[in-house]
Amino acid sequence: MVATTPPSCNTASLDAYVPNAENIWNIDKIKHVYRRLDFGASQSNLDDALNMTPSEFIDSLIDEAIAQDNLPTPPWGYWSFDDYTDFDTQNNDFVFNHRLTVGNSLYTEGLKGRLAFFWSNHFVTELESYFYAPYLFQYYDTLQTHCLGNFKNFVSAMGTNSTMLLYLNGFENTETSPNENYARELYELFTMGEGNGYTQSDITETARALTGYNHWDTFGAQIYFDESTHDTGSKTIFNQTGNWGYNDVINILFEQHGEQIANTVVTKLYQFFVSPAVDDYILDTIIEPLSQVFIDNNYELAPVLRQLLKSEHFFDDRARGVVVKSPLDLIVGFTKDSGFLYNDTLVEAFLYYAGLMGQEILDPPDVSGWQRDETWINSSTLTGRWQLLDLYLNYLYGQGLEYTFVDLARELSNDSIDPEFIARTMVDYLLPKQLYTATDYDTATIVFKADVPQNYYDNMTWSLNWSSAPNQVYLLLKHIFRIPEFQLK
C-alpha cells in the first residue's frame, strides 16, 4: 500500500490502553470516545463512564450497538406503487418522515446510529435519484442490520438491495444488455479500492454474473432474481472460469482479494474514527495488523473495532482534535453535549441547514460520497456553521429557555462564582483539547464577564443566579463557536 495522505504524528501502538499515573483515564478521553463513536454525550454519561475501565467502556458501547434493534418498520416500508392512494403526496410525506426518523436516531442510537450513517457514505445511494420511500427505508434498514456484523454478508446484502439495484442500474443488467455500473463500484468503491487488483475484463465479466435481478411482482415492489434474464454463459473473473452467479462473485472476490478488501475497509474505518492522516507508519503498525484481525475473524467488523478503539493509539492525545466535524456532527454534537432542547421541529431545521452546508442526509452528492474532513470547511460554510448555532441559541432564547444556558454553566462549574473558572470549564468541555495559551482563556473570560462591573466579581457578589447570567453564557457560547478548534473533534 502507498500512503497518499499527510503524515501522522500519532505513534502510539495498538496495545490496549491501560491508565497509569502519566496517562490517566479522565473526562477528556471519554468525551473523545463519545464524539467519535456517537455524536456527543451529556455530563452524566461522562461521569458514568469514569466508573468503567476503558476496555469495559468500549465493550459496553459495541455490545449495546450489536444488541440494539433497528428502527421500527413503518406501515409503508414494503409497499409497492399499487399500495398508494395518492402517490405524490404520500411518498413525499413518507420520505420526509423517514429522514426525520433517521435524524432523530442520530441522537438516540449511539454507536449503531453512528455506524449506520457511516456506511451510508460507503455503500452510497442518492435519495434524489430514486426518491421512493419504501426503498429508502429498506436501504437504511440494511445498513442498520449489517453495520457491525460480517462485512462479506454486508456486501452481499447491499448488492441485492432494491435501492442499490435501482441506483446503480442492476435492475437494467440483463443477459442481452449487461450494465457494468454496479460491478465497477463493487470493486472500486465498496471493496478493493480504485485500480487495486481488478481489470476492465473483470468488471465486464462480473456484470454478466450479476444479471437476473430485474423482476418485481408489481411496480415499486422488492426486486428479486429470475433465471430468465440471467446470463448462464461461462465467465472468467479474476482468472477463474465458470458459470458464475451472484454468490460466486462474492465468494471469489473475498477468496482472492481478501487482503485488498481488508486494507481498504480498515483504512476507511481508521480515517473516520481516528484520523484522516494515514502515512507509512500508520499503514505498517496499525492498518496492516488490523487488516489481519479482520481476515482472521472472517471479516467480522466488531473484533476490528474493539481492538482499534481500545488501543493506546485511539486514546492518544494526538488523536484528539484532528477530524473536522461534518455539519451534522456540529449541530447534533453540540445539542447532545449541551443537553439543550431538541425536538422534531428543531431536527427538521438542523437537517435543512446541514443540507445547505453540503450534507443532505441520505443524499450524498455522487456515488463516491462525501469526502469529509477539510472539504466541509470553506469561507461560506464556516460562517454558515456559526450562523446555524447562533440561530439555535436565539431560538432557545425566544422560547424562554435561556435558563438552560445557565444550567449548563452551573453543572460544569459546580455553581462557581469565579468567572475565569466558569469560562475555562465551558471552553474545555466543548472543545476537543485545551486552548494553547492563557491569553485565549483570558479572551473567553472577558467575553463572559460582559458588561458586569468588575467590582461585583472582586467582592464575590456576582453569581450565576444573576439576571445577566443567561446572556453572559449566551455570549460565551457564541465566542466558543468561533474558536477554530470548535470545528474539530
Protein backbone atom coordinates (compact mmCIF):
# COMPACT_ATOMS: atom_id res chain seq x y z
CA MET A 1 0.00 0.00 0.00
CA VAL A 2 1.14 3.56 -0.70
CA ALA A 3 0.45 6.41 1.71
CA THR A 4 -1.40 9.25 -0.02
CA THR A 5 -2.43 11.44 2.93
CA PRO A 6 -0.46 13.85 5.15
CA PRO A 7 1.83 12.30 7.76
CA SER A 8 0.51 11.39 11.19
CA CYS A 9 2.18 12.43 14.44
CA ASN A 10 0.44 9.69 16.42
CA THR A 11 2.99 6.96 17.07
CA ALA A 12 1.11 5.18 19.85
CA SER A 13 0.57 1.43 19.45
CA LEU A 14 -2.37 -0.92 19.03
CA ASP A 15 -1.79 -2.25 22.54
CA ALA A 16 -4.79 -1.81 24.81
CA TYR A 17 -4.79 1.47 26.69
CA VAL A 18 -4.29 0.84 30.41
CA PRO A 19 -4.40 4.02 32.51
CA ASN A 20 -1.43 4.92 34.68
CA ALA A 21 -0.17 7.91 36.62
CA GLU A 22 1.21 9.56 33.48
CA ASN A 23 -1.76 8.71 31.26
CA ILE A 24 -4.89 8.84 33.36
CA TRP A 25 -8.44 7.83 32.49
CA ASN A 26 -10.40 11.06 32.54
CA ILE A 27 -13.34 13.01 31.17
CA ASP A 28 -11.34 14.29 28.20
CA LYS A 29 -10.73 10.76 26.94
CA ILE A 30 -14.36 9.81 27.47
CA LYS A 31 -15.53 12.87 25.54
CA HIS A 32 -13.20 11.79 22.74
CA VAL A 33 -14.90 8.39 22.63
CA TYR A 34 -18.39 9.85 22.54
CA ARG A 35 -17.54 12.38 19.84
CA ARG A 36 -16.11 9.71 17.58
CA LEU A 37 -18.40 6.74 18.35
CA ASP A 38 -21.56 8.76 18.96
CA PHE A 39 -22.45 12.41 18.38
CA GLY A 40 -21.57 13.61 21.88
CA ALA A 41 -22.74 12.93 25.42
CA SER A 42 -24.17 14.59 28.49
CA GLN A 43 -22.14 15.24 31.63
CA SER A 44 -23.94 12.34 33.35
CA ASN A 45 -22.89 9.99 30.52
CA LEU A 46 -19.30 11.08 31.03
CA ASP A 47 -19.47 10.58 34.79
CA ASP A 48 -20.91 7.07 34.38
CA ALA A 49 -18.10 6.05 32.04
CA LEU A 50 -15.49 7.09 34.60
CA ASN A 51 -16.62 4.15 36.72
CA MET A 52 -15.59 1.69 33.99
CA THR A 53 -12.19 0.79 32.63
CA PRO A 54 -11.50 1.97 29.08
CA SER A 55 -11.84 -1.58 27.80
CA GLU A 56 -15.13 -2.13 29.61
CA PHE A 57 -16.45 1.17 28.30
CA ILE A 58 -15.66 0.39 24.65
CA ASP A 59 -17.09 -3.12 25.01
CA SER A 60 -20.29 -1.70 26.50
CA LEU A 61 -20.80 0.64 23.54
CA ILE A 62 -20.13 -2.08 20.97
CA ASP A 63 -22.23 -4.69 22.78
CA GLU A 64 -25.11 -2.24 23.07
CA ALA A 65 -24.92 -1.50 19.35
CA ILE A 66 -24.93 -5.20 18.45
CA ALA A 67 -27.96 -5.89 20.63
CA GLN A 68 -29.91 -2.81 19.56
CA ASP A 69 -32.98 -3.20 17.36
CA ASN A 70 -33.24 -1.49 14.01
CA LEU A 71 -35.58 1.44 13.59
CA PRO A 72 -39.20 0.21 13.53
CA THR A 73 -40.62 -0.77 10.15
CA PRO A 74 -43.17 1.85 9.05
CA PRO A 75 -46.51 0.61 7.69
CA TRP A 76 -45.39 1.58 4.17
CA GLY A 77 -41.90 0.06 4.47
CA TYR A 78 -42.55 -2.67 1.91
CA TRP A 79 -45.30 -1.09 -0.14
CA SER A 80 -45.41 -1.20 -3.90
CA PHE A 81 -46.77 1.61 -6.05
CA ASP A 82 -50.21 -0.02 -6.04
CA ASP A 83 -50.49 0.39 -2.27
CA TYR A 84 -50.50 4.17 -2.53
CA THR A 85 -53.78 6.05 -2.85
CA ASP A 86 -52.13 9.43 -3.55
CA PHE A 87 -48.57 8.68 -4.55
CA ASP A 88 -47.10 12.17 -4.82
CA THR A 89 -48.46 13.39 -1.50
CA GLN A 90 -47.93 10.18 0.46
CA ASN A 91 -44.48 9.42 -0.91
CA ASN A 92 -43.24 12.94 -0.15
CA ASP A 93 -44.62 12.67 3.37
CA PHE A 94 -43.12 9.22 3.94
CA VAL A 95 -39.68 10.29 2.69
CA PHE A 96 -39.79 13.39 4.88
CA ASN A 97 -40.85 11.38 7.92
CA HIS A 98 -38.19 8.73 7.48
CA ARG A 99 -35.42 11.27 7.01
CA LEU A 100 -36.64 12.89 10.22
CA THR A 101 -36.67 9.48 11.94
CA VAL A 102 -33.08 8.86 10.88
CA GLY A 103 -32.13 12.36 12.00
CA ASN A 104 -33.62 11.71 15.44
CA SER A 105 -31.82 8.36 15.61
CA LEU A 106 -28.50 10.20 15.50
CA TYR A 107 -29.41 11.48 18.96
CA THR A 108 -30.65 8.21 20.39
CA GLU A 109 -28.88 5.24 18.80
CA GLY A 110 -25.30 5.77 19.94
CA LEU A 111 -22.69 3.76 18.06
CA LYS A 112 -25.29 1.96 15.95
CA GLY A 113 -26.62 5.27 14.64
CA ARG A 114 -23.09 6.50 14.01
CA LEU A 115 -22.11 3.34 12.13
CA ALA A 116 -25.26 3.14 10.02
CA PHE A 117 -24.70 6.73 8.97
CA PHE A 118 -21.01 6.00 8.29
CA TRP A 119 -21.90 3.10 5.99
CA SER A 120 -24.42 5.27 4.13
CA ASN A 121 -21.34 7.12 2.88
CA HIS A 122 -19.65 3.88 1.83
CA PHE A 123 -22.47 1.94 0.18
CA VAL A 124 -23.77 5.15 -1.30
CA THR A 125 -27.16 5.73 -2.84
CA GLU A 126 -28.57 9.16 -3.67
CA LEU A 127 -32.12 9.65 -2.49
CA GLU A 128 -32.71 12.27 -5.18
CA SER A 129 -32.02 9.67 -7.88
CA TYR A 130 -34.82 7.29 -6.84
CA PHE A 131 -36.92 9.23 -4.28
CA TYR A 132 -39.11 6.33 -3.25
CA ALA A 133 -39.96 5.93 0.43
CA PRO A 134 -40.11 2.10 0.67
CA TYR A 135 -36.68 1.79 -0.94
CA LEU A 136 -35.30 4.50 1.35
CA PHE A 137 -36.46 2.53 4.38
CA GLN A 138 -35.21 -0.80 3.03
CA TYR A 139 -31.80 0.68 2.25
CA TYR A 140 -31.29 2.17 5.70
CA ASP A 141 -32.64 -0.98 7.34
CA THR A 142 -29.97 -2.99 5.52
CA LEU A 143 -27.29 -0.57 6.75
CA GLN A 144 -28.51 -0.96 10.31
CA THR A 145 -28.72 -4.74 10.10
CA HIS A 146 -25.12 -5.18 8.97
CA CYS A 147 -23.36 -2.07 10.32
CA LEU A 148 -21.45 -4.03 13.00
CA GLY A 149 -21.73 -7.53 11.57
CA ASN A 150 -19.96 -9.54 8.88
CA PHE A 151 -18.63 -7.38 6.05
CA LYS A 152 -18.84 -10.13 3.44
CA ASN A 153 -22.52 -10.59 4.26
CA PHE A 154 -22.91 -6.81 4.23
CA VAL A 155 -21.51 -6.56 0.70
CA SER A 156 -23.72 -9.39 -0.45
CA ALA A 157 -26.85 -7.85 1.06
CA MET A 158 -26.23 -4.40 -0.38
CA GLY A 159 -25.81 -5.73 -3.91
CA THR A 160 -29.30 -7.24 -3.94
CA ASN A 161 -30.97 -4.40 -2.04
CA SER A 162 -33.72 -2.92 -4.22
CA THR A 163 -32.45 0.61 -3.66
CA MET A 164 -28.94 -0.25 -4.81
CA LEU A 165 -30.23 -2.28 -7.75
CA LEU A 166 -32.16 0.76 -8.91
CA TYR A 167 -29.45 3.33 -8.12
CA LEU A 168 -26.52 1.56 -9.81
CA ASN A 169 -28.59 0.08 -12.63
CA GLY A 170 -28.53 -3.55 -11.55
CA PHE A 171 -32.23 -3.57 -12.39
CA GLU A 172 -31.26 -2.89 -16.01
CA ASN A 173 -28.49 -5.52 -16.08
CA THR A 174 -29.70 -8.42 -18.24
CA GLU A 175 -28.17 -11.19 -20.31
CA THR A 176 -28.91 -9.27 -23.53
CA SER A 177 -27.96 -5.82 -22.22
CA PRO A 178 -25.36 -6.01 -19.45
CA ASN A 179 -24.80 -2.90 -17.34
CA GLU A 180 -21.43 -2.56 -15.63
CA ASN A 181 -22.20 0.20 -13.11
CA TYR A 182 -22.60 -1.92 -10.01
CA ALA A 183 -19.77 -4.31 -10.91
CA ARG A 184 -17.39 -1.36 -11.22
CA GLU A 185 -18.40 0.25 -7.92
CA LEU A 186 -18.37 -3.13 -6.16
CA TYR A 187 -14.64 -3.29 -6.75
CA GLU A 188 -13.66 0.39 -6.93
CA LEU A 189 -15.64 1.85 -4.02
CA PHE A 190 -17.16 -0.91 -1.92
CA THR A 191 -14.34 -3.44 -1.52
CA MET A 192 -10.87 -3.17 -3.10
CA GLY A 193 -10.34 0.50 -3.90
CA GLU A 194 -9.80 2.22 -7.21
CA GLY A 195 -7.46 0.36 -9.57
CA ASN A 196 -6.48 -2.10 -6.88
CA GLY A 197 -6.43 -5.64 -8.28
CA TYR A 198 -9.16 -5.77 -10.93
CA THR A 199 -9.30 -5.19 -14.68
CA GLN A 200 -11.92 -3.92 -17.09
CA SER A 201 -12.40 -7.52 -18.17
CA ASP A 202 -13.17 -8.50 -14.57
CA ILE A 203 -15.80 -5.73 -14.44
CA THR A 204 -17.37 -6.83 -17.72
CA GLU A 205 -17.50 -10.48 -16.73
CA THR A 206 -18.76 -9.65 -13.24
CA ALA A 207 -21.62 -7.62 -14.71
CA ARG A 208 -22.67 -10.71 -16.66
CA ALA A 209 -22.57 -12.79 -13.48
CA LEU A 210 -24.77 -10.25 -11.65
CA THR A 211 -27.57 -10.34 -14.21
CA GLY A 212 -31.05 -11.56 -13.32
CA TYR A 213 -32.13 -9.09 -10.61
CA ASN A 214 -34.65 -7.47 -12.91
CA HIS A 215 -38.04 -8.50 -11.61
CA TRP A 216 -40.73 -7.32 -9.24
CA ASP A 217 -44.26 -8.57 -8.79
CA THR A 218 -45.60 -5.08 -9.32
CA PHE A 219 -44.08 -1.67 -9.94
CA GLY A 220 -42.14 -0.43 -6.88
CA ALA A 221 -42.18 -3.78 -5.04
CA GLN A 222 -38.99 -5.52 -3.91
CA ILE A 223 -36.70 -6.52 -6.76
CA TYR A 224 -35.73 -10.18 -6.96
CA PHE A 225 -33.73 -12.66 -9.05
CA ASP A 226 -35.22 -14.51 -12.01
CA GLU A 227 -33.24 -17.03 -14.02
CA SER A 228 -34.89 -15.89 -17.26
CA THR A 229 -32.73 -12.75 -17.53
CA HIS A 230 -29.54 -14.21 -16.05
CA ASP A 231 -26.54 -14.81 -18.29
CA THR A 232 -25.82 -18.52 -17.93
CA GLY A 233 -22.73 -18.50 -20.11
CA SER A 234 -19.17 -19.07 -18.94
CA LYS A 235 -17.41 -16.07 -17.33
CA THR A 236 -13.80 -15.53 -16.29
CA ILE A 237 -13.46 -13.41 -13.13
CA PHE A 238 -10.04 -12.95 -11.51
CA ASN A 239 -8.74 -15.75 -13.75
CA GLN A 240 -11.39 -18.22 -12.56
CA THR A 241 -13.75 -19.52 -15.22
CA GLY A 242 -17.22 -20.94 -14.69
CA ASN A 243 -20.94 -20.32 -14.97
CA TRP A 244 -20.75 -17.77 -12.17
CA GLY A 245 -23.70 -16.11 -10.48
CA TYR A 246 -24.06 -13.51 -7.74
CA ASN A 247 -22.91 -15.65 -4.79
CA ASP A 248 -19.96 -16.92 -6.80
CA VAL A 249 -18.81 -13.36 -7.44
CA ILE A 250 -18.85 -12.55 -3.72
CA ASN A 251 -17.04 -15.77 -2.81
CA ILE A 252 -14.35 -15.37 -5.50
CA LEU A 253 -13.86 -11.71 -4.57
CA PHE A 254 -13.23 -12.41 -0.90
CA GLU A 255 -11.21 -15.57 -1.51
CA GLN A 256 -8.83 -13.93 -3.99
CA HIS A 257 -8.70 -10.34 -2.75
CA GLY A 258 -9.28 -10.55 0.98
CA GLU A 259 -6.11 -8.59 1.72
CA GLN A 260 -7.08 -5.66 -0.52
CA ILE A 261 -10.60 -5.64 0.90
CA ALA A 262 -9.34 -5.70 4.47
CA ASN A 263 -6.85 -2.89 3.86
CA THR A 264 -9.46 -0.73 2.14
CA VAL A 265 -12.13 -1.21 4.79
CA VAL A 266 -9.81 -0.91 7.79
CA THR A 267 -8.23 2.24 6.35
CA LYS A 268 -11.65 3.80 5.89
CA LEU A 269 -12.66 2.91 9.45
CA TYR A 270 -9.38 4.30 10.74
CA GLN A 271 -9.76 7.58 8.87
CA PHE A 272 -13.30 8.01 10.16
CA PHE A 273 -12.81 7.03 13.80
CA VAL A 274 -9.18 8.03 14.41
CA SER A 275 -7.55 10.35 11.88
CA PRO A 276 -7.60 11.17 8.17
CA ALA A 277 -3.79 11.07 8.18
CA VAL A 278 -2.51 7.64 7.07
CA ASP A 279 1.23 7.55 6.42
CA ASP A 280 3.59 4.62 6.00
CA TYR A 281 3.98 4.22 9.77
CA ILE A 282 0.21 4.00 10.24
CA LEU A 283 -0.09 1.55 7.36
CA ASP A 284 2.59 -0.72 8.79
CA THR A 285 1.82 -0.58 12.52
CA ILE A 286 -1.95 -0.01 12.62
CA ILE A 287 -3.69 -0.78 9.33
CA GLU A 288 -1.90 -3.99 8.40
CA PRO A 289 -2.26 -5.67 11.83
CA LEU A 290 -5.93 -4.69 12.00
CA SER A 291 -6.43 -5.96 8.46
CA GLN A 292 -5.09 -9.32 9.58
CA VAL A 293 -7.51 -9.28 12.53
CA PHE A 294 -10.29 -8.63 10.02
CA ILE A 295 -9.23 -11.57 7.84
CA ASP A 296 -8.63 -13.90 10.79
CA ASN A 297 -12.15 -13.18 12.05
CA ASN A 298 -13.74 -13.94 8.69
CA TYR A 299 -14.45 -10.24 8.01
CA GLU A 300 -16.37 -9.57 11.20
CA LEU A 301 -16.32 -5.86 11.94
CA ALA A 302 -16.67 -5.96 15.73
CA PRO A 303 -13.24 -7.52 16.52
CA VAL A 304 -11.51 -4.86 14.42
CA LEU A 305 -13.34 -2.02 16.12
CA ARG A 306 -12.77 -3.49 19.58
CA GLN A 307 -9.02 -3.62 19.09
CA LEU A 308 -8.74 -0.23 17.39
CA LEU A 309 -10.99 1.64 19.82
CA LYS A 310 -9.41 0.14 22.94
CA SER A 311 -5.90 0.95 21.78
CA GLU A 312 -3.32 3.39 23.07
CA HIS A 313 -3.37 4.74 19.53
CA PHE A 314 -7.04 5.72 19.65
CA PHE A 315 -6.76 7.22 23.13
CA ASP A 316 -3.55 9.10 22.42
CA ASP A 317 -3.86 12.87 22.87
CA ARG A 318 -2.63 13.29 19.30
CA ALA A 319 -5.78 11.53 18.06
CA ARG A 320 -7.99 14.25 19.54
CA GLY A 321 -8.98 17.34 17.60
CA VAL A 322 -7.73 16.08 14.23
CA VAL A 323 -11.04 15.41 12.45
CA VAL A 324 -13.20 18.21 11.04
CA LYS A 325 -16.81 17.93 12.18
CA SER A 326 -19.40 17.35 9.50
CA PRO A 327 -22.40 19.72 9.55
CA LEU A 328 -24.44 17.08 11.39
CA ASP A 329 -21.56 16.41 13.79
CA LEU A 330 -21.51 20.11 14.52
CA ILE A 331 -25.15 20.63 15.44
CA VAL A 332 -26.07 17.19 16.79
CA GLY A 333 -22.85 17.08 18.79
CA PHE A 334 -23.42 20.49 20.36
CA THR A 335 -27.02 19.66 21.19
CA LYS A 336 -26.02 16.40 22.88
CA ASP A 337 -23.04 17.89 24.68
CA SER A 338 -25.06 20.82 25.99
CA GLY A 339 -28.23 18.92 26.81
CA PHE A 340 -30.23 21.74 25.23
CA LEU A 341 -33.66 21.19 23.72
CA TYR A 342 -34.18 19.29 20.51
CA ASN A 343 -37.47 18.12 19.02
CA ASP A 344 -38.89 17.24 15.62
CA THR A 345 -39.17 20.90 14.62
CA LEU A 346 -35.55 21.56 15.50
CA VAL A 347 -34.24 18.33 13.96
CA GLU A 348 -36.08 19.22 10.76
CA ALA A 349 -34.34 22.60 10.78
CA PHE A 350 -30.97 21.01 11.56
CA LEU A 351 -31.31 18.63 8.61
CA TYR A 352 -32.26 21.52 6.34
CA TYR A 353 -29.29 23.66 7.33
CA ALA A 354 -26.91 20.69 7.19
CA GLY A 355 -28.07 20.22 3.62
CA LEU A 356 -27.30 23.85 2.84
CA MET A 357 -23.78 23.24 4.16
CA GLY A 358 -23.31 20.23 1.92
CA GLN A 359 -24.59 17.28 3.96
CA GLU A 360 -28.05 16.39 2.71
CA ILE A 361 -28.96 13.41 4.88
CA LEU A 362 -29.08 10.13 2.88
CA ASP A 363 -28.39 12.08 -0.31
CA PRO A 364 -24.61 12.40 -0.88
CA PRO A 365 -23.52 14.32 -3.99
CA ASP A 366 -22.47 11.26 -6.00
CA VAL A 367 -21.58 7.58 -5.70
CA SER A 368 -18.22 8.37 -4.10
CA GLY A 369 -20.00 10.05 -1.18
CA TRP A 370 -18.95 13.00 0.94
CA GLN A 371 -15.17 13.34 1.04
CA ARG A 372 -15.36 14.65 4.61
CA ASP A 373 -12.78 16.39 6.76
CA GLU A 374 -11.33 19.55 5.17
CA THR A 375 -13.91 19.53 2.38
CA TRP A 376 -16.53 20.54 4.95
CA ILE A 377 -14.86 23.90 5.56
CA ASN A 378 -14.63 26.93 3.30
CA SER A 379 -15.32 30.65 3.74
CA SER A 380 -19.06 30.32 3.19
CA THR A 381 -19.70 27.10 5.10
CA LEU A 382 -17.68 28.33 8.09
CA THR A 383 -19.85 31.40 8.53
CA GLY A 384 -22.88 29.22 7.87
CA ARG A 385 -21.84 26.98 10.77
CA TRP A 386 -21.60 29.95 13.11
CA GLN A 387 -24.95 31.26 11.95
CA LEU A 388 -26.68 27.92 12.42
CA LEU A 389 -25.55 27.62 16.02
CA ASP A 390 -26.36 31.28 16.67
CA LEU A 391 -29.86 30.71 15.30
CA TYR A 392 -30.25 27.72 17.59
CA LEU A 393 -29.32 29.74 20.67
CA ASN A 394 -31.59 32.56 19.56
CA TYR A 395 -34.46 30.12 19.15
CA LEU A 396 -33.92 28.81 22.67
CA TYR A 397 -33.84 32.36 23.97
CA GLY A 398 -37.07 33.13 22.15
CA GLN A 399 -38.73 30.09 23.67
CA GLY A 400 -37.84 31.24 27.18
CA LEU A 401 -35.22 28.52 27.58
CA GLU A 402 -32.25 30.75 28.25
CA TYR A 403 -32.12 29.37 31.79
CA THR A 404 -30.77 26.14 30.27
CA PHE A 405 -27.63 28.08 29.30
CA VAL A 406 -27.08 28.81 32.98
CA ASP A 407 -27.93 25.25 33.96
CA LEU A 408 -25.10 24.03 31.74
CA ALA A 409 -22.62 26.51 33.22
CA ARG A 410 -23.73 25.65 36.73
CA GLU A 411 -23.42 21.90 36.16
CA LEU A 412 -19.99 22.13 34.59
CA SER A 413 -18.53 24.55 37.13
CA ASN A 414 -20.29 23.20 40.23
CA ASP A 415 -22.12 26.54 40.51
CA SER A 416 -18.88 28.51 40.74
CA ILE A 417 -18.85 32.28 41.22
CA ASP A 418 -15.43 32.61 39.57
CA PRO A 419 -15.96 33.88 36.01
CA GLU A 420 -12.50 32.77 34.91
CA PHE A 421 -13.11 29.23 36.13
CA ILE A 422 -16.58 29.08 34.53
CA ALA A 423 -15.28 30.32 31.17
CA ARG A 424 -12.32 27.92 31.20
CA THR A 425 -14.52 24.98 32.22
CA MET A 426 -17.03 25.61 29.44
CA VAL A 427 -14.34 26.10 26.82
CA ASP A 428 -12.59 22.89 27.83
CA TYR A 429 -15.86 20.96 27.88
CA LEU A 430 -16.91 21.98 24.37
CA LEU A 431 -13.52 21.73 22.66
CA PRO A 432 -11.58 18.53 21.93
CA LYS A 433 -8.42 19.90 23.54
CA GLN A 434 -7.41 22.72 25.82
CA LEU A 435 -6.51 26.04 24.21
CA TYR A 436 -2.86 26.75 23.58
CA THR A 437 -2.31 29.94 25.57
CA ALA A 438 -3.53 31.65 28.71
CA THR A 439 -4.44 34.63 26.53
CA ASP A 440 -7.02 32.50 24.70
CA TYR A 441 -8.72 31.75 28.02
CA ASP A 442 -8.43 35.38 29.09
CA THR A 443 -10.31 36.40 25.97
CA ALA A 444 -13.09 33.91 26.73
CA THR A 445 -13.30 35.22 30.30
CA ILE A 446 -13.59 38.83 29.10
CA VAL A 447 -16.44 37.83 26.77
CA PHE A 448 -18.19 36.00 29.60
CA LYS A 449 -17.88 38.88 32.06
CA ALA A 450 -19.78 41.06 29.57
CA ASP A 451 -20.90 44.41 30.97
CA VAL A 452 -20.98 43.39 34.63
CA PRO A 453 -18.74 45.81 36.56
CA GLN A 454 -15.52 44.25 37.80
CA ASN A 455 -16.15 45.14 41.44
CA TYR A 456 -19.03 42.63 41.59
CA TYR A 457 -16.58 39.88 40.69
CA ASP A 458 -13.94 41.24 43.04
CA ASN A 459 -16.23 41.30 46.07
CA MET A 460 -17.76 37.93 45.04
CA THR A 461 -21.34 39.18 44.97
CA TRP A 462 -21.87 38.09 41.37
CA SER A 463 -23.19 34.56 40.73
CA LEU A 464 -24.92 32.50 38.08
CA ASN A 465 -28.19 33.45 39.78
CA TRP A 466 -27.88 37.00 38.45
CA SER A 467 -30.35 38.06 35.79
CA SER A 468 -27.41 38.85 33.49
CA ALA A 469 -26.08 35.26 33.63
CA PRO A 470 -28.13 33.78 30.75
CA ASN A 471 -26.90 36.48 28.39
CA GLN A 472 -23.34 36.06 29.65
CA VAL A 473 -23.37 32.32 28.91
CA TYR A 474 -25.02 33.06 25.57
CA LEU A 475 -22.17 35.41 24.62
CA LEU A 476 -19.57 32.90 25.77
CA LEU A 477 -21.15 30.12 23.69
CA LYS A 478 -21.16 32.32 20.60
CA HIS A 479 -17.49 33.05 21.24
CA ILE A 480 -16.71 29.33 21.60
CA PHE A 481 -18.43 28.59 18.28
CA ARG A 482 -15.91 30.89 16.61
CA ILE A 483 -12.82 29.33 18.16
CA PRO A 484 -11.23 27.34 15.30
CA GLU A 485 -10.81 24.23 17.47
CA PHE A 486 -14.58 24.04 17.93
CA GLN A 487 -14.79 22.81 14.33
CA LEU A 488 -12.74 19.74 15.26
CA LYS A 489 -13.48 16.57 17.15
